[in-house]
C-alpha cells in the first residue's frame, strides 16, 4: 500500500449498526482534475437536483495545481457514484480551496456550502436551491486574526440547531497547526446566520485543543 501523501481516493464501507463495517470497492478515484480530497455527502430527499429522489450527492475537493469543488452522484444507495459531467460545481484558481460541507437552511429554504481557504485563511459561504448551481455570498473571517492565522483553516462545519425553540448556528473550524496545545486543533463559534453570512456572537472556544 502507498502510505505517502498523494493520489487520494474515497474508500467505501457500509454498516447496519454503525459498529460492524464491511469494506467495498473504492468509489472515487483521482482524475484529470486531481486527487479526491475531503468533502461531504447529502441525501436529496426532494429531488431538487434532478438526479432522482433520495439520490446521494457527494461533494468533494478536486486537488491538483489548484483546488475546486466537484460533485458525484449515487442513485443506488451509495454503492456506486458517477462524477457529474459539469464538474467543477464551484470552480477556483486558488491553491487551497477545499473541504466543502453542505447543510439545509430551513429558515431560508436553501442549501449552504462552507469551503475552507487553507493558508489564505477565511471560510467561503455559498448557497444553492438545487445542489448543482451555487452562488457566492462572502468570506467569514474573525477579527482577532493574529490568534488564529498561524495555520491552515480547514474542514469547516456550519450547523443549525434548536435551543429552547430558538434557532442557533455554530461554525466549526480546524487549524493546522495552531491548536491550543500544539499541532492541529478545532475551534467553534456560536452565532447567527442570515442566509448569506455567519456572524459570531461569542468568542471562539476550543472543541479540540490538539495533541
N, C-alpha and C. Protein backbone atom coordinates (compact mmCIF):
# COMPACT_ATOMS: atom_id res chain seq x y z
N UNK A 1 0.83 -1.18 0.00
CA UNK A 1 0.00 0.00 0.00
C UNK A 1 0.87 1.24 0.00
N UNK A 2 0.36 2.28 -0.68
CA UNK A 2 1.07 3.55 -0.73
C UNK A 2 0.73 4.36 0.52
N UNK A 3 1.73 4.66 1.34
CA UNK A 3 1.48 5.42 2.57
C UNK A 3 1.98 6.84 2.43
N UNK A 4 2.43 7.23 1.24
CA UNK A 4 2.88 8.59 1.01
C UNK A 4 1.70 9.49 0.65
N UNK A 5 1.91 10.81 0.89
CA UNK A 5 0.87 11.79 0.55
C UNK A 5 0.71 11.85 -0.97
N UNK A 6 -0.53 11.86 -1.44
CA UNK A 6 -0.77 12.00 -2.86
C UNK A 6 -1.67 10.89 -3.39
N UNK A 7 -2.36 11.20 -4.50
CA UNK A 7 -3.21 10.22 -5.16
C UNK A 7 -4.38 9.75 -4.34
N UNK A 8 -4.93 10.64 -3.50
CA UNK A 8 -6.01 10.21 -2.61
C UNK A 8 -7.29 9.86 -3.36
N UNK A 9 -8.00 8.86 -2.82
CA UNK A 9 -9.29 8.42 -3.33
C UNK A 9 -10.30 8.44 -2.19
N UNK A 10 -11.55 8.14 -2.52
CA UNK A 10 -12.56 7.93 -1.49
C UNK A 10 -12.85 6.44 -1.39
N UNK A 11 -12.57 5.86 -0.23
CA UNK A 11 -12.92 4.48 0.04
C UNK A 11 -14.40 4.36 0.35
N UNK A 12 -14.82 3.14 0.72
CA UNK A 12 -16.24 2.90 0.93
C UNK A 12 -16.43 1.73 1.87
N UNK A 13 -17.23 1.93 2.89
CA UNK A 13 -17.63 0.86 3.80
C UNK A 13 -19.08 1.09 4.21
N UNK A 14 -19.77 0.02 4.56
CA UNK A 14 -21.17 0.12 4.97
C UNK A 14 -21.41 -0.67 6.24
N UNK A 15 -22.48 -0.27 6.95
CA UNK A 15 -22.81 -0.91 8.22
C UNK A 15 -24.31 -0.84 8.44
N UNK A 16 -24.85 -1.83 9.15
CA UNK A 16 -26.27 -1.79 9.53
C UNK A 16 -26.44 -1.38 10.99
N UNK A 17 -25.32 -1.29 11.74
CA UNK A 17 -25.42 -0.94 13.15
C UNK A 17 -24.40 0.11 13.60
N UNK A 18 -23.61 0.65 12.68
CA UNK A 18 -22.59 1.68 12.95
C UNK A 18 -21.46 1.17 13.83
N UNK A 19 -21.40 -0.14 14.06
CA UNK A 19 -20.32 -0.75 14.84
C UNK A 19 -19.50 -1.69 13.98
N UNK A 20 -20.20 -2.56 13.25
CA UNK A 20 -19.54 -3.54 12.39
C UNK A 20 -19.62 -3.06 10.95
N UNK A 21 -18.46 -3.02 10.28
CA UNK A 21 -18.37 -2.42 8.96
C UNK A 21 -17.85 -3.41 7.93
N UNK A 22 -18.41 -3.32 6.72
CA UNK A 22 -17.97 -4.12 5.59
C UNK A 22 -17.33 -3.20 4.55
N UNK A 23 -16.11 -3.50 4.15
CA UNK A 23 -15.43 -2.68 3.15
C UNK A 23 -15.87 -3.07 1.75
N UNK A 24 -15.98 -2.05 0.88
CA UNK A 24 -16.35 -2.25 -0.51
C UNK A 24 -15.27 -1.65 -1.40
N UNK A 25 -15.54 -1.68 -2.70
CA UNK A 25 -14.59 -1.12 -3.65
C UNK A 25 -14.50 0.40 -3.48
N UNK A 26 -13.34 0.96 -3.79
CA UNK A 26 -13.17 2.41 -3.80
C UNK A 26 -14.19 3.02 -4.75
N UNK A 27 -14.80 4.15 -4.34
CA UNK A 27 -15.87 4.73 -5.15
C UNK A 27 -15.43 5.96 -5.95
N UNK A 28 -14.40 6.68 -5.50
CA UNK A 28 -13.96 7.86 -6.24
C UNK A 28 -12.44 7.84 -6.37
N UNK A 29 -11.98 7.76 -7.60
CA UNK A 29 -10.55 7.74 -7.90
C UNK A 29 -10.12 9.10 -8.45
N UNK A 30 -8.83 9.43 -8.34
CA UNK A 30 -8.32 10.65 -8.97
C UNK A 30 -8.60 10.66 -10.48
N UNK A 31 -8.70 11.86 -11.04
CA UNK A 31 -8.92 12.02 -12.47
C UNK A 31 -8.10 13.19 -12.98
N UNK A 32 -8.45 13.71 -14.15
CA UNK A 32 -7.68 14.81 -14.73
C UNK A 32 -7.75 16.09 -13.91
N UNK A 33 -8.73 16.18 -12.98
CA UNK A 33 -8.84 17.35 -12.12
C UNK A 33 -8.04 17.20 -10.84
N UNK A 34 -7.47 16.02 -10.59
CA UNK A 34 -6.61 15.84 -9.43
C UNK A 34 -7.07 14.76 -8.48
N UNK A 35 -6.44 14.75 -7.31
CA UNK A 35 -6.79 13.81 -6.26
C UNK A 35 -8.16 14.13 -5.67
N UNK A 36 -8.70 13.17 -4.91
CA UNK A 36 -10.00 13.34 -4.28
C UNK A 36 -9.78 13.66 -2.80
N UNK A 37 -9.82 14.95 -2.48
CA UNK A 37 -9.66 15.37 -1.08
C UNK A 37 -11.02 15.35 -0.39
N UNK A 38 -11.08 15.90 0.82
CA UNK A 38 -12.26 15.72 1.68
C UNK A 38 -13.48 16.49 1.20
N UNK A 39 -14.62 16.13 1.77
CA UNK A 39 -15.88 16.76 1.41
C UNK A 39 -17.01 16.23 2.28
N UNK A 40 -18.16 16.00 1.68
CA UNK A 40 -19.33 15.58 2.46
C UNK A 40 -20.33 14.90 1.55
N UNK A 41 -21.37 14.35 2.14
CA UNK A 41 -22.46 13.76 1.38
C UNK A 41 -23.79 14.25 1.90
N UNK A 42 -24.78 14.34 1.02
CA UNK A 42 -26.11 14.77 1.44
C UNK A 42 -27.15 14.00 0.62
N UNK A 43 -28.25 13.61 1.25
CA UNK A 43 -29.33 12.89 0.57
C UNK A 43 -30.32 13.91 0.02
N UNK A 44 -30.58 13.83 -1.26
CA UNK A 44 -31.53 14.74 -1.92
C UNK A 44 -32.93 14.13 -1.83
N UNK A 45 -33.58 14.33 -0.70
CA UNK A 45 -34.87 13.70 -0.44
C UNK A 45 -35.98 14.22 -1.34
N UNK A 46 -35.84 15.48 -1.80
CA UNK A 46 -36.91 16.11 -2.59
C UNK A 46 -36.58 16.17 -4.09
N UNK A 47 -35.46 15.58 -4.47
CA UNK A 47 -35.04 15.58 -5.87
C UNK A 47 -34.93 16.99 -6.45
N UNK A 48 -34.38 17.91 -5.70
CA UNK A 48 -34.19 19.26 -6.23
C UNK A 48 -33.08 19.29 -7.28
N UNK A 49 -32.20 18.29 -7.25
CA UNK A 49 -31.09 18.25 -8.19
C UNK A 49 -31.48 17.66 -9.54
N UNK A 50 -32.56 16.89 -9.54
CA UNK A 50 -32.98 16.23 -10.77
C UNK A 50 -32.32 14.88 -11.00
N UNK A 51 -31.50 14.43 -10.05
CA UNK A 51 -30.83 13.13 -10.21
C UNK A 51 -31.69 11.98 -9.70
N UNK A 52 -32.79 12.30 -9.04
CA UNK A 52 -33.68 11.26 -8.53
C UNK A 52 -33.91 11.40 -7.03
N UNK A 53 -35.11 11.08 -6.59
CA UNK A 53 -35.46 11.17 -5.17
C UNK A 53 -34.56 10.26 -4.35
N UNK A 54 -34.02 10.80 -3.27
CA UNK A 54 -33.13 10.09 -2.34
C UNK A 54 -31.78 9.73 -2.96
N UNK A 55 -31.43 10.36 -4.06
CA UNK A 55 -30.06 10.21 -4.55
C UNK A 55 -29.10 10.82 -3.53
N UNK A 56 -27.89 10.29 -3.50
CA UNK A 56 -26.87 10.78 -2.57
C UNK A 56 -25.86 11.60 -3.36
N UNK A 57 -25.67 12.84 -2.96
CA UNK A 57 -24.75 13.73 -3.63
C UNK A 57 -23.49 13.88 -2.78
N UNK A 58 -22.37 13.53 -3.35
CA UNK A 58 -21.08 13.64 -2.66
C UNK A 58 -20.33 14.85 -3.23
N UNK A 59 -20.07 15.82 -2.38
CA UNK A 59 -19.29 16.99 -2.76
C UNK A 59 -17.86 16.78 -2.25
N UNK A 60 -16.89 16.92 -3.14
CA UNK A 60 -15.52 16.62 -2.76
C UNK A 60 -14.57 17.64 -3.38
N UNK A 61 -13.35 17.66 -2.86
CA UNK A 61 -12.31 18.56 -3.35
C UNK A 61 -11.51 17.88 -4.45
N UNK A 62 -11.50 18.51 -5.63
CA UNK A 62 -10.60 18.09 -6.70
C UNK A 62 -9.30 18.87 -6.52
N UNK A 63 -8.21 18.16 -6.24
CA UNK A 63 -6.97 18.82 -5.83
C UNK A 63 -5.84 18.51 -6.79
N UNK A 64 -5.43 19.51 -7.55
CA UNK A 64 -4.26 19.41 -8.41
C UNK A 64 -3.41 20.65 -8.15
N UNK A 65 -3.01 21.39 -9.22
CA UNK A 65 -2.26 22.62 -9.02
C UNK A 65 -3.07 23.67 -8.28
N UNK A 66 -4.38 23.61 -8.46
CA UNK A 66 -5.30 24.41 -7.67
C UNK A 66 -6.46 23.51 -7.30
N UNK A 67 -7.32 23.98 -6.39
CA UNK A 67 -8.36 23.12 -5.85
C UNK A 67 -9.74 23.66 -6.20
N UNK A 68 -10.67 22.75 -6.48
CA UNK A 68 -12.03 23.10 -6.86
C UNK A 68 -13.00 22.13 -6.20
N UNK A 69 -14.28 22.46 -6.27
CA UNK A 69 -15.30 21.63 -5.64
C UNK A 69 -16.06 20.87 -6.72
N UNK A 70 -16.07 19.55 -6.60
CA UNK A 70 -16.73 18.69 -7.58
C UNK A 70 -17.87 17.91 -6.93
N UNK A 71 -18.63 17.24 -7.79
CA UNK A 71 -19.83 16.52 -7.36
C UNK A 71 -19.84 15.13 -7.99
N UNK A 72 -20.23 14.14 -7.20
CA UNK A 72 -20.51 12.80 -7.70
C UNK A 72 -21.86 12.35 -7.14
N UNK A 73 -22.58 11.54 -7.89
CA UNK A 73 -23.96 11.19 -7.54
C UNK A 73 -24.12 9.67 -7.48
N UNK A 74 -24.82 9.22 -6.43
CA UNK A 74 -25.19 7.81 -6.31
C UNK A 74 -26.71 7.68 -6.36
N UNK A 75 -27.19 6.78 -7.20
CA UNK A 75 -28.62 6.50 -7.28
C UNK A 75 -28.93 5.08 -6.83
N UNK A 76 -27.93 4.41 -6.23
CA UNK A 76 -28.15 3.04 -5.74
C UNK A 76 -27.83 2.92 -4.25
N UNK A 77 -28.16 3.98 -3.51
CA UNK A 77 -28.00 3.92 -2.06
C UNK A 77 -26.57 4.09 -1.58
N UNK A 78 -25.71 4.60 -2.45
CA UNK A 78 -24.34 4.86 -2.03
C UNK A 78 -23.35 3.78 -2.40
N UNK A 79 -23.78 2.77 -3.14
CA UNK A 79 -22.86 1.69 -3.51
C UNK A 79 -21.91 2.12 -4.61
N UNK A 80 -22.40 2.91 -5.57
CA UNK A 80 -21.55 3.41 -6.65
C UNK A 80 -21.85 4.89 -6.87
N UNK A 81 -20.87 5.60 -7.41
CA UNK A 81 -21.01 7.04 -7.68
C UNK A 81 -20.55 7.35 -9.09
N UNK A 82 -21.26 8.27 -9.72
CA UNK A 82 -20.88 8.78 -11.04
C UNK A 82 -20.53 10.26 -10.89
N UNK A 83 -19.37 10.63 -11.40
CA UNK A 83 -18.96 12.04 -11.33
C UNK A 83 -19.83 12.89 -12.25
N UNK A 84 -20.21 14.04 -11.77
CA UNK A 84 -21.06 14.96 -12.53
C UNK A 84 -20.27 15.49 -13.73
N UNK A 85 -20.81 15.39 -14.96
CA UNK A 85 -20.06 15.80 -16.15
C UNK A 85 -19.78 17.30 -16.21
N UNK A 86 -20.52 18.09 -15.42
CA UNK A 86 -20.31 19.54 -15.41
C UNK A 86 -19.33 20.02 -14.37
N UNK A 87 -18.58 19.09 -13.73
CA UNK A 87 -17.61 19.49 -12.71
C UNK A 87 -16.58 20.46 -13.27
N UNK A 88 -16.11 21.40 -12.43
CA UNK A 88 -16.45 21.58 -11.01
C UNK A 88 -17.75 22.35 -10.84
N UNK A 89 -18.47 22.08 -9.74
CA UNK A 89 -19.69 22.85 -9.47
C UNK A 89 -19.35 24.19 -8.82
N UNK A 90 -18.20 24.27 -8.15
CA UNK A 90 -17.67 25.54 -7.66
C UNK A 90 -16.20 25.59 -8.08
N UNK A 91 -15.91 26.39 -9.08
CA UNK A 91 -14.56 26.48 -9.59
C UNK A 91 -13.72 27.48 -8.82
N UNK A 92 -12.41 27.34 -8.95
CA UNK A 92 -11.50 28.30 -8.35
C UNK A 92 -10.15 28.19 -9.04
N UNK A 93 -9.30 29.20 -8.82
CA UNK A 93 -7.91 29.15 -9.26
C UNK A 93 -6.99 29.27 -8.06
N UNK A 94 -7.54 28.93 -6.88
CA UNK A 94 -6.79 29.05 -5.64
C UNK A 94 -6.03 27.74 -5.36
N UNK A 95 -4.83 27.83 -4.81
CA UNK A 95 -4.10 26.60 -4.47
C UNK A 95 -4.72 25.84 -3.31
N UNK A 96 -5.51 26.54 -2.48
CA UNK A 96 -6.16 25.91 -1.33
C UNK A 96 -7.60 26.38 -1.27
N UNK A 97 -8.51 25.48 -1.59
CA UNK A 97 -9.94 25.78 -1.68
C UNK A 97 -10.65 24.45 -1.54
N UNK A 98 -10.98 24.05 -0.31
CA UNK A 98 -11.31 22.65 -0.10
C UNK A 98 -12.29 22.41 1.06
N UNK A 99 -12.59 21.12 1.25
CA UNK A 99 -13.38 20.62 2.38
C UNK A 99 -14.82 21.13 2.36
N UNK A 100 -15.54 21.00 1.24
CA UNK A 100 -16.92 21.50 1.20
C UNK A 100 -17.82 20.75 2.17
N UNK A 101 -18.63 21.50 2.87
CA UNK A 101 -19.63 20.92 3.77
C UNK A 101 -20.98 21.58 3.47
N UNK A 102 -22.01 20.76 3.26
CA UNK A 102 -23.32 21.25 2.84
C UNK A 102 -24.36 20.95 3.90
N UNK A 103 -25.24 21.93 4.16
CA UNK A 103 -26.30 21.77 5.14
C UNK A 103 -27.55 22.46 4.62
N UNK A 104 -28.73 21.96 5.02
CA UNK A 104 -30.01 22.57 4.64
C UNK A 104 -30.34 23.70 5.61
N UNK A 105 -30.65 24.88 5.06
CA UNK A 105 -31.05 26.05 5.85
C UNK A 105 -32.56 26.18 5.76
N UNK A 106 -33.25 25.70 6.78
CA UNK A 106 -34.71 25.68 6.78
C UNK A 106 -35.28 27.09 6.73
N UNK A 107 -34.68 28.03 7.45
CA UNK A 107 -35.20 29.40 7.52
C UNK A 107 -35.22 30.08 6.16
N UNK A 108 -34.23 29.82 5.34
CA UNK A 108 -34.11 30.49 4.04
C UNK A 108 -34.34 29.55 2.87
N UNK A 109 -34.74 28.31 3.17
CA UNK A 109 -35.14 27.33 2.16
C UNK A 109 -34.09 27.17 1.05
N UNK A 110 -32.87 26.90 1.50
CA UNK A 110 -31.80 26.64 0.54
C UNK A 110 -30.68 25.86 1.22
N UNK A 111 -29.78 25.35 0.42
CA UNK A 111 -28.62 24.63 0.92
C UNK A 111 -27.45 25.60 1.03
N UNK A 112 -26.63 25.39 2.05
CA UNK A 112 -25.48 26.26 2.29
C UNK A 112 -24.22 25.42 2.28
N UNK A 113 -23.22 25.88 1.55
CA UNK A 113 -21.93 25.20 1.48
C UNK A 113 -20.86 26.10 2.09
N UNK A 114 -20.04 25.52 2.96
CA UNK A 114 -18.90 26.22 3.53
C UNK A 114 -17.62 25.59 3.00
N UNK A 115 -16.67 26.44 2.57
CA UNK A 115 -15.43 25.98 1.94
C UNK A 115 -14.25 26.66 2.62
N UNK A 116 -13.21 25.89 2.93
CA UNK A 116 -12.03 26.44 3.61
C UNK A 116 -11.00 26.93 2.59
N UNK A 117 -10.22 27.95 3.01
CA UNK A 117 -9.22 28.55 2.14
C UNK A 117 -7.79 28.31 2.61
N UNK A 118 -7.60 27.30 3.48
CA UNK A 118 -6.26 26.88 3.86
C UNK A 118 -5.41 27.99 4.44
N UNK A 119 -4.20 28.15 3.93
CA UNK A 119 -3.27 29.16 4.43
C UNK A 119 -3.67 30.58 4.04
N UNK A 120 -4.66 30.71 3.16
CA UNK A 120 -5.16 32.05 2.83
C UNK A 120 -6.15 32.52 3.89
N UNK A 121 -6.59 31.62 4.73
CA UNK A 121 -7.49 31.88 5.84
C UNK A 121 -8.86 32.34 5.35
N UNK A 122 -9.83 32.20 6.22
CA UNK A 122 -11.19 32.53 5.86
C UNK A 122 -11.96 31.32 5.37
N UNK A 123 -13.28 31.37 5.53
CA UNK A 123 -14.19 30.32 5.13
C UNK A 123 -15.23 30.91 4.19
N UNK A 124 -15.28 30.42 2.95
CA UNK A 124 -16.24 30.95 1.99
C UNK A 124 -17.61 30.32 2.22
N UNK A 125 -18.66 31.12 1.98
CA UNK A 125 -20.03 30.66 2.14
C UNK A 125 -20.76 30.82 0.81
N UNK A 126 -21.35 29.70 0.34
CA UNK A 126 -22.10 29.64 -0.90
C UNK A 126 -23.49 29.06 -0.61
N UNK A 127 -24.43 29.27 -1.52
CA UNK A 127 -25.75 28.66 -1.33
C UNK A 127 -26.32 28.21 -2.67
N UNK A 128 -27.32 27.31 -2.57
CA UNK A 128 -27.96 26.76 -3.75
C UNK A 128 -29.36 26.29 -3.40
N UNK A 129 -30.25 26.32 -4.37
CA UNK A 129 -31.58 25.75 -4.18
C UNK A 129 -31.71 24.38 -4.86
N UNK A 130 -30.74 24.04 -5.73
CA UNK A 130 -30.84 22.77 -6.45
C UNK A 130 -29.62 21.86 -6.29
N UNK A 131 -28.67 22.26 -5.44
CA UNK A 131 -27.47 21.46 -5.13
C UNK A 131 -26.50 21.33 -6.30
N UNK A 132 -26.77 22.04 -7.38
CA UNK A 132 -25.88 21.98 -8.54
C UNK A 132 -25.31 23.36 -8.87
N UNK A 133 -26.17 24.37 -8.92
CA UNK A 133 -25.75 25.73 -9.22
C UNK A 133 -25.58 26.51 -7.91
N UNK A 134 -24.39 27.06 -7.70
CA UNK A 134 -24.04 27.66 -6.42
C UNK A 134 -23.72 29.15 -6.55
N UNK A 135 -24.18 29.92 -5.54
CA UNK A 135 -23.98 31.38 -5.51
C UNK A 135 -23.06 31.75 -4.35
N UNK A 136 -22.06 32.57 -4.63
CA UNK A 136 -21.11 33.02 -3.61
C UNK A 136 -21.72 34.16 -2.79
N UNK A 137 -21.52 34.11 -1.45
CA UNK A 137 -22.03 35.16 -0.57
C UNK A 137 -20.94 35.95 0.13
N UNK A 138 -19.85 35.33 0.48
CA UNK A 138 -18.81 36.08 1.15
C UNK A 138 -17.85 35.16 1.88
N UNK A 139 -16.90 35.76 2.60
CA UNK A 139 -15.87 35.03 3.32
C UNK A 139 -15.96 35.37 4.80
N UNK A 140 -16.08 34.34 5.62
CA UNK A 140 -16.09 34.54 7.07
C UNK A 140 -14.66 34.65 7.58
N UNK A 141 -14.37 35.78 8.22
CA UNK A 141 -13.11 35.98 8.93
C UNK A 141 -13.43 36.14 10.41
N UNK A 142 -12.40 36.18 11.22
CA UNK A 142 -12.58 36.52 12.63
C UNK A 142 -11.70 37.71 12.93
N UNK A 143 -12.21 38.74 13.62
CA UNK A 143 -11.46 39.98 13.82
C UNK A 143 -10.08 39.79 14.45
N UNK A 144 -9.97 38.87 15.39
CA UNK A 144 -8.70 38.67 16.08
C UNK A 144 -7.85 37.69 15.29
N UNK A 145 -7.45 38.10 14.09
CA UNK A 145 -6.79 37.18 13.17
C UNK A 145 -5.45 36.68 13.68
N UNK A 146 -4.74 37.51 14.44
CA UNK A 146 -3.39 37.13 14.85
C UNK A 146 -3.38 35.83 15.66
N UNK A 147 -4.46 35.57 16.39
CA UNK A 147 -4.51 34.38 17.24
C UNK A 147 -4.73 33.11 16.44
N UNK A 148 -5.34 33.23 15.28
CA UNK A 148 -5.77 32.02 14.57
C UNK A 148 -5.25 31.94 13.15
N UNK A 149 -4.33 32.79 12.76
CA UNK A 149 -3.81 32.76 11.40
C UNK A 149 -2.45 32.11 11.29
N UNK A 150 -2.04 31.37 12.31
CA UNK A 150 -0.72 30.73 12.25
C UNK A 150 -0.78 29.34 11.64
N UNK A 151 -1.90 28.97 11.12
CA UNK A 151 -2.02 27.67 10.48
C UNK A 151 -3.12 27.68 9.43
N UNK A 152 -3.27 26.56 8.76
CA UNK A 152 -4.30 26.44 7.73
C UNK A 152 -5.69 26.39 8.36
N UNK A 153 -6.64 27.09 7.74
CA UNK A 153 -8.04 26.96 8.11
C UNK A 153 -8.62 25.82 7.27
N UNK A 154 -9.14 24.79 7.92
CA UNK A 154 -9.59 23.60 7.22
C UNK A 154 -10.88 23.06 7.79
N UNK A 155 -11.50 22.17 7.02
CA UNK A 155 -12.62 21.32 7.47
C UNK A 155 -13.67 22.08 8.27
N UNK A 156 -14.33 23.07 7.65
CA UNK A 156 -15.37 23.82 8.37
C UNK A 156 -16.67 23.04 8.47
N UNK A 157 -17.49 23.41 9.41
CA UNK A 157 -18.86 22.90 9.54
C UNK A 157 -19.74 24.04 10.01
N UNK A 158 -20.80 24.35 9.28
CA UNK A 158 -21.78 25.35 9.70
C UNK A 158 -23.08 24.60 9.97
N UNK A 159 -23.50 24.58 11.24
CA UNK A 159 -24.56 23.67 11.66
C UNK A 159 -25.66 24.43 12.41
N UNK A 160 -26.94 24.27 12.00
CA UNK A 160 -28.05 24.84 12.75
C UNK A 160 -28.56 23.86 13.81
N UNK A 161 -29.02 24.39 14.93
CA UNK A 161 -29.65 23.53 15.93
C UNK A 161 -30.61 24.36 16.76
N UNK A 162 -31.48 23.69 17.51
CA UNK A 162 -32.52 24.35 18.28
C UNK A 162 -32.15 24.37 19.76
N UNK A 163 -32.34 25.52 20.41
CA UNK A 163 -32.16 25.66 21.85
C UNK A 163 -33.39 26.36 22.40
N UNK A 164 -34.20 25.61 23.14
CA UNK A 164 -35.43 26.16 23.72
C UNK A 164 -36.31 26.81 22.65
N UNK A 165 -36.41 26.14 21.49
CA UNK A 165 -37.25 26.64 20.42
C UNK A 165 -36.64 27.74 19.58
N UNK A 166 -35.42 28.12 19.87
CA UNK A 166 -34.76 29.19 19.12
C UNK A 166 -33.65 28.61 18.26
N UNK A 167 -33.57 29.09 17.01
CA UNK A 167 -32.55 28.62 16.09
C UNK A 167 -31.19 29.20 16.46
N UNK A 168 -30.20 28.34 16.59
CA UNK A 168 -28.82 28.76 16.82
C UNK A 168 -27.95 28.16 15.71
N UNK A 169 -26.81 28.79 15.47
CA UNK A 169 -25.85 28.29 14.49
C UNK A 169 -24.48 28.18 15.12
N UNK A 170 -23.73 27.18 14.70
CA UNK A 170 -22.36 27.03 15.18
C UNK A 170 -21.46 26.83 13.97
N UNK A 171 -20.32 27.52 13.99
CA UNK A 171 -19.30 27.36 12.96
C UNK A 171 -18.10 26.69 13.58
N UNK A 172 -17.72 25.53 13.02
CA UNK A 172 -16.52 24.82 13.47
C UNK A 172 -15.42 24.98 12.44
N UNK A 173 -14.17 25.01 12.91
CA UNK A 173 -13.05 25.17 12.00
C UNK A 173 -11.81 24.52 12.59
N UNK A 174 -11.12 23.74 11.78
CA UNK A 174 -9.85 23.15 12.20
C UNK A 174 -8.70 24.06 11.80
N UNK A 175 -7.66 24.09 12.63
CA UNK A 175 -6.45 24.85 12.35
C UNK A 175 -5.27 23.89 12.39
N UNK A 176 -4.44 23.94 11.35
CA UNK A 176 -3.32 23.01 11.26
C UNK A 176 -2.09 23.73 10.70
N UNK A 177 -1.05 23.97 11.55
CA UNK A 177 -1.03 23.81 13.01
C UNK A 177 -1.67 25.02 13.68
N UNK A 178 -1.77 25.00 14.97
CA UNK A 178 -2.34 26.14 15.69
C UNK A 178 -3.24 25.76 16.83
N UNK A 179 -3.26 24.47 17.23
CA UNK A 179 -4.08 24.05 18.34
C UNK A 179 -3.62 24.66 19.66
N UNK A 180 -4.50 24.70 20.58
CA UNK A 180 -4.19 25.29 21.89
C UNK A 180 -3.01 24.61 22.54
N UNK A 181 -2.87 23.30 22.35
CA UNK A 181 -1.79 22.54 22.96
C UNK A 181 -0.78 22.03 21.93
N UNK A 182 -0.79 22.66 20.76
CA UNK A 182 0.17 22.28 19.74
C UNK A 182 -0.46 21.50 18.60
N UNK A 183 0.26 21.47 17.48
CA UNK A 183 -0.15 20.82 16.25
C UNK A 183 -1.54 21.30 15.84
N UNK A 184 -2.43 20.42 15.40
CA UNK A 184 -3.74 20.86 14.91
C UNK A 184 -4.77 20.88 16.02
N UNK A 185 -5.82 21.66 15.81
CA UNK A 185 -6.91 21.74 16.78
C UNK A 185 -8.17 22.19 16.09
N UNK A 186 -9.28 22.24 16.83
CA UNK A 186 -10.56 22.68 16.26
C UNK A 186 -11.23 23.68 17.18
N UNK A 187 -11.68 24.79 16.57
CA UNK A 187 -12.42 25.84 17.26
C UNK A 187 -13.89 25.78 16.87
N UNK A 188 -14.73 26.43 17.69
CA UNK A 188 -16.10 26.67 17.25
C UNK A 188 -16.59 28.00 17.77
N UNK A 189 -17.45 28.62 16.96
CA UNK A 189 -18.12 29.86 17.34
C UNK A 189 -19.62 29.61 17.41
N UNK A 190 -20.30 30.18 18.38
CA UNK A 190 -21.76 30.27 18.37
C UNK A 190 -22.14 31.59 17.70
N UNK A 191 -23.25 31.59 16.95
CA UNK A 191 -23.61 32.82 16.26
C UNK A 191 -24.94 32.72 15.56
N UNK A 192 -25.12 33.61 14.59
CA UNK A 192 -26.35 33.68 13.80
C UNK A 192 -26.00 33.58 12.32
N UNK A 193 -26.99 33.20 11.52
CA UNK A 193 -26.81 33.10 10.08
C UNK A 193 -28.03 33.71 9.41
N UNK A 194 -27.79 34.69 8.51
CA UNK A 194 -28.89 35.41 7.87
C UNK A 194 -29.19 34.92 6.46
N UNK A 195 -28.67 33.76 6.13
CA UNK A 195 -28.86 33.23 4.79
C UNK A 195 -27.73 33.56 3.85
N UNK A 196 -26.89 34.50 4.25
CA UNK A 196 -25.75 34.90 3.44
C UNK A 196 -24.42 34.79 4.19
N UNK A 197 -24.42 35.14 5.48
CA UNK A 197 -23.18 35.19 6.24
C UNK A 197 -23.42 34.77 7.68
N UNK A 198 -22.40 34.12 8.24
CA UNK A 198 -22.41 33.73 9.65
C UNK A 198 -21.79 34.86 10.46
N UNK A 199 -22.44 35.21 11.61
CA UNK A 199 -21.97 36.27 12.49
C UNK A 199 -21.77 35.69 13.89
N UNK A 200 -20.54 35.60 14.37
CA UNK A 200 -20.32 35.06 15.72
C UNK A 200 -20.86 36.01 16.78
N UNK A 201 -21.43 35.43 17.81
CA UNK A 201 -21.95 36.23 18.93
C UNK A 201 -21.14 36.02 20.20
N UNK A 202 -20.15 35.13 20.13
CA UNK A 202 -19.30 34.86 21.28
C UNK A 202 -17.87 34.64 20.81
N UNK A 203 -16.93 34.71 21.74
CA UNK A 203 -15.55 34.36 21.45
C UNK A 203 -15.47 32.88 21.07
N UNK A 204 -14.54 32.50 20.21
CA UNK A 204 -14.41 31.08 19.86
C UNK A 204 -13.95 30.25 21.06
N UNK A 205 -14.35 29.01 21.05
CA UNK A 205 -13.94 28.07 22.09
C UNK A 205 -13.26 26.88 21.44
N UNK A 206 -12.43 26.20 22.21
CA UNK A 206 -11.75 25.01 21.70
C UNK A 206 -12.65 23.80 21.87
N UNK A 207 -12.92 23.13 20.77
CA UNK A 207 -13.58 21.83 20.82
C UNK A 207 -12.55 20.73 20.96
N UNK A 208 -11.40 20.95 20.30
CA UNK A 208 -10.28 20.03 20.38
C UNK A 208 -9.02 20.87 20.39
N UNK A 209 -8.29 20.89 21.51
CA UNK A 209 -7.10 21.72 21.65
C UNK A 209 -5.88 21.15 21.00
N UNK A 210 -5.96 19.92 20.51
CA UNK A 210 -4.83 19.32 19.82
C UNK A 210 -3.92 18.50 20.72
N UNK A 211 -3.07 17.72 20.08
CA UNK A 211 -2.08 16.88 20.77
C UNK A 211 -2.74 16.00 21.84
